[in-house]
């Protein structure tokens, strides 16, 4: 329809703002999903390396590393926009 009848300029601005906001939300969701996968993989490695036949507890050193990973991945990623 916009090809047949030029829309009001305010509508174009609104469309651009809406589109940029949606893209930020999608990027944020994708980044959060990636961080969840990375955290899960790190926990799986820590669990597999300890205990009997890979079943056991996470040692204090591994937990410290996992806490550091979580702190890095939990930073306010909106500041990178």
C-alpha atoms as a PDB file:
ATOM      1  CA  UNK A   1       0.000   0.000   0.000  1.00  0.00           C
ATOM      2  CA  UNK A   2       2.866   2.380   0.772  1.00  0.00           C
ATOM      3  CA  UNK A   3       4.001   2.048  -2.836  1.00  0.00           C
ATOM      4  CA  UNK A   4       0.663   3.336  -4.119  1.00  0.00           C
ATOM      5  CA  UNK A   5       0.107   6.103  -1.573  1.00  0.00           C
ATOM      6  CA  UNK A   6       2.958   7.837   0.238  1.00  0.00           C
ATOM      7  CA  UNK A   7       2.416   7.452   4.003  1.00  0.00           C
ATOM      8  CA  UNK A   8       2.533  10.324   6.421  1.00  0.00           C
ATOM      9  CA  UNK A   9       6.196  11.055   7.395  1.00  0.00           C
ATOM     10  CA  UNK A  10       5.316  10.551  11.082  1.00  0.00           C
ATOM     11  CA  UNK A  11       4.169   7.036  10.264  1.00  0.00           C
ATOM     12  CA  UNK A  12       7.561   6.270   8.708  1.00  0.00           C
ATOM     13  CA  UNK A  13       9.313   7.531  11.834  1.00  0.00           C
ATOM     14  CA  UNK A  14       7.021   5.400  13.994  1.00  0.00           C
ATOM     15  CA  UNK A  15       7.699   2.363  11.787  1.00  0.00           C
ATOM     16  CA  UNK A  16      11.473   2.908  12.032  1.00  0.00           C
ATOM     17  CA  UNK A  17      11.332   3.262  15.824  1.00  0.00           C
ATOM     18  CA  UNK A  18       9.163   0.156  16.146  1.00  0.00           C
ATOM     19  CA  UNK A  19      11.431  -1.883  13.868  1.00  0.00           C
ATOM     20  CA  UNK A  20      14.585  -0.872  15.750  1.00  0.00           C
ATOM     21  CA  UNK A  21      12.955  -1.705  19.100  1.00  0.00           C
ATOM     22  CA  UNK A  22      11.877  -5.139  17.815  1.00  0.00           C
ATOM     23  CA  UNK A  23      15.366  -5.877  16.510  1.00  0.00           C
ATOM     24  CA  UNK A  24      16.907  -4.995  19.880  1.00  0.00           C
ATOM     25  CA  UNK A  25      14.482  -7.335  21.653  1.00  0.00           C
ATOM     26  CA  UNK A  26      15.256 -10.160  19.206  1.00  0.00           C
ATOM     27  CA  UNK A  27      19.018  -9.629  19.567  1.00  0.00           C
ATOM     28  CA  UNK A  28      18.674  -9.537  23.346  1.00  0.00           C
ATOM     29  CA  UNK A  29      16.639 -12.761  23.346  1.00  0.00           C
ATOM     30  CA  UNK A  30      19.158 -14.487  21.069  1.00  0.00           C
ATOM     31  CA  UNK A  31      22.056 -13.306  23.206  1.00  0.00           C
ATOM     32  CA  UNK A  32      20.356 -14.470  26.402  1.00  0.00           C
ATOM     33  CA  UNK A  33      19.733 -17.892  24.832  1.00  0.00           C
ATOM     34  CA  UNK A  34      23.414 -18.081  23.836  1.00  0.00           C
ATOM     35  CA  UNK A  35      24.487 -17.169  27.379  1.00  0.00           C
ATOM     36  CA  UNK A  36      22.200 -19.859  28.795  1.00  0.00           C
ATOM     37  CA  UNK A  37      23.756 -22.462  26.469  1.00  0.00           C
ATOM     38  CA  UNK A  38      27.285 -21.369  27.396  1.00  0.00           C
ATOM     39  CA  UNK A  39      26.500 -21.532  31.114  1.00  0.00           C
ATOM     40  CA  UNK A  40      24.900 -24.962  30.739  1.00  0.00           C
ATOM     41  CA  UNK A  41      27.910 -26.295  28.824  1.00  0.00           C
ATOM     42  CA  UNK A  42      30.306 -24.987  31.476  1.00  0.00           C
ATOM     43  CA  UNK A  43      28.249 -26.630  34.225  1.00  0.00           C
ATOM     44  CA  UNK A  44      28.105 -29.906  32.280  1.00  0.00           C
ATOM     45  CA  UNK A  45      31.901 -29.903  31.905  1.00  0.00           C
ATOM     46  CA  UNK A  46      32.371 -29.209  35.608  1.00  0.00           C
ATOM     47  CA  UNK A  47      29.969 -32.006  36.548  1.00  0.00           C
ATOM     48  CA  UNK A  48      31.579 -34.465  34.138  1.00  0.00           C
ATOM     49  CA  UNK A  49      35.062 -33.833  35.494  1.00  0.00           C
ATOM     50  CA  UNK A  50      34.309 -34.713  39.095  1.00  0.00           C
ATOM     51  CA  UNK A  51      32.887 -37.485  41.175  1.00  0.00           C
ATOM     52  CA  UNK A  52      32.661 -41.151  40.256  1.00  0.00           C
ATOM     53  CA  UNK A  53      32.214 -41.901  36.521  1.00  0.00           C
ATOM     54  CA  UNK A  54      31.310 -38.287  35.892  1.00  0.00           C
ATOM     55  CA  UNK A  55      28.569 -38.223  38.529  1.00  0.00           C
ATOM     56  CA  UNK A  56      29.303 -36.035  41.459  1.00  0.00           C
ATOM     57  CA  UNK A  57      29.698 -32.612  42.829  1.00  0.00           C
ATOM     58  CA  UNK A  58      31.333 -29.514  41.477  1.00  0.00           C
ATOM     59  CA  UNK A  59      34.464 -28.668  43.439  1.00  0.00           C
ATOM     60  CA  UNK A  60      35.043 -25.230  44.958  1.00  0.00           C
ATOM     61  CA  UNK A  61      37.548 -24.228  42.261  1.00  0.00           C
ATOM     62  CA  UNK A  62      35.146 -25.172  39.481  1.00  0.00           C
ATOM     63  CA  UNK A  63      32.291 -23.346  41.208  1.00  0.00           C
ATOM     64  CA  UNK A  64      34.437 -20.216  41.414  1.00  0.00           C
ATOM     65  CA  UNK A  65      35.060 -20.401  37.661  1.00  0.00           C
ATOM     66  CA  UNK A  66      31.350 -21.023  37.005  1.00  0.00           C
ATOM     67  CA  UNK A  67      30.458 -18.024  39.182  1.00  0.00           C
ATOM     68  CA  UNK A  68      32.896 -15.865  37.184  1.00  0.00           C
ATOM     69  CA  UNK A  69      31.425 -17.100  33.887  1.00  0.00           C
ATOM     70  CA  UNK A  70      27.934 -16.344  35.144  1.00  0.00           C
ATOM     71  CA  UNK A  71      28.979 -12.853  36.250  1.00  0.00           C
ATOM     72  CA  UNK A  72      30.448 -12.086  32.818  1.00  0.00           C
ATOM     73  CA  UNK A  73      27.468 -13.458  30.910  1.00  0.00           C
ATOM     74  CA  UNK A  74      24.989 -11.700  33.196  1.00  0.00           C
ATOM     75  CA  UNK A  75      26.377  -8.220  32.581  1.00  0.00           C
ATOM     76  CA  UNK A  76      23.962  -5.604  31.266  1.00  0.00           C
ATOM     77  CA  UNK A  77      24.186  -6.451  27.578  1.00  0.00           C
ATOM     78  CA  UNK A  78      21.927  -3.516  26.684  1.00  0.00           C
ATOM     79  CA  UNK A  79      24.950  -1.285  27.259  1.00  0.00           C
ATOM     80  CA  UNK A  80      26.479  -2.757  24.073  1.00  0.00           C
ATOM     81  CA  UNK A  81      23.736  -1.399  21.778  1.00  0.00           C
END
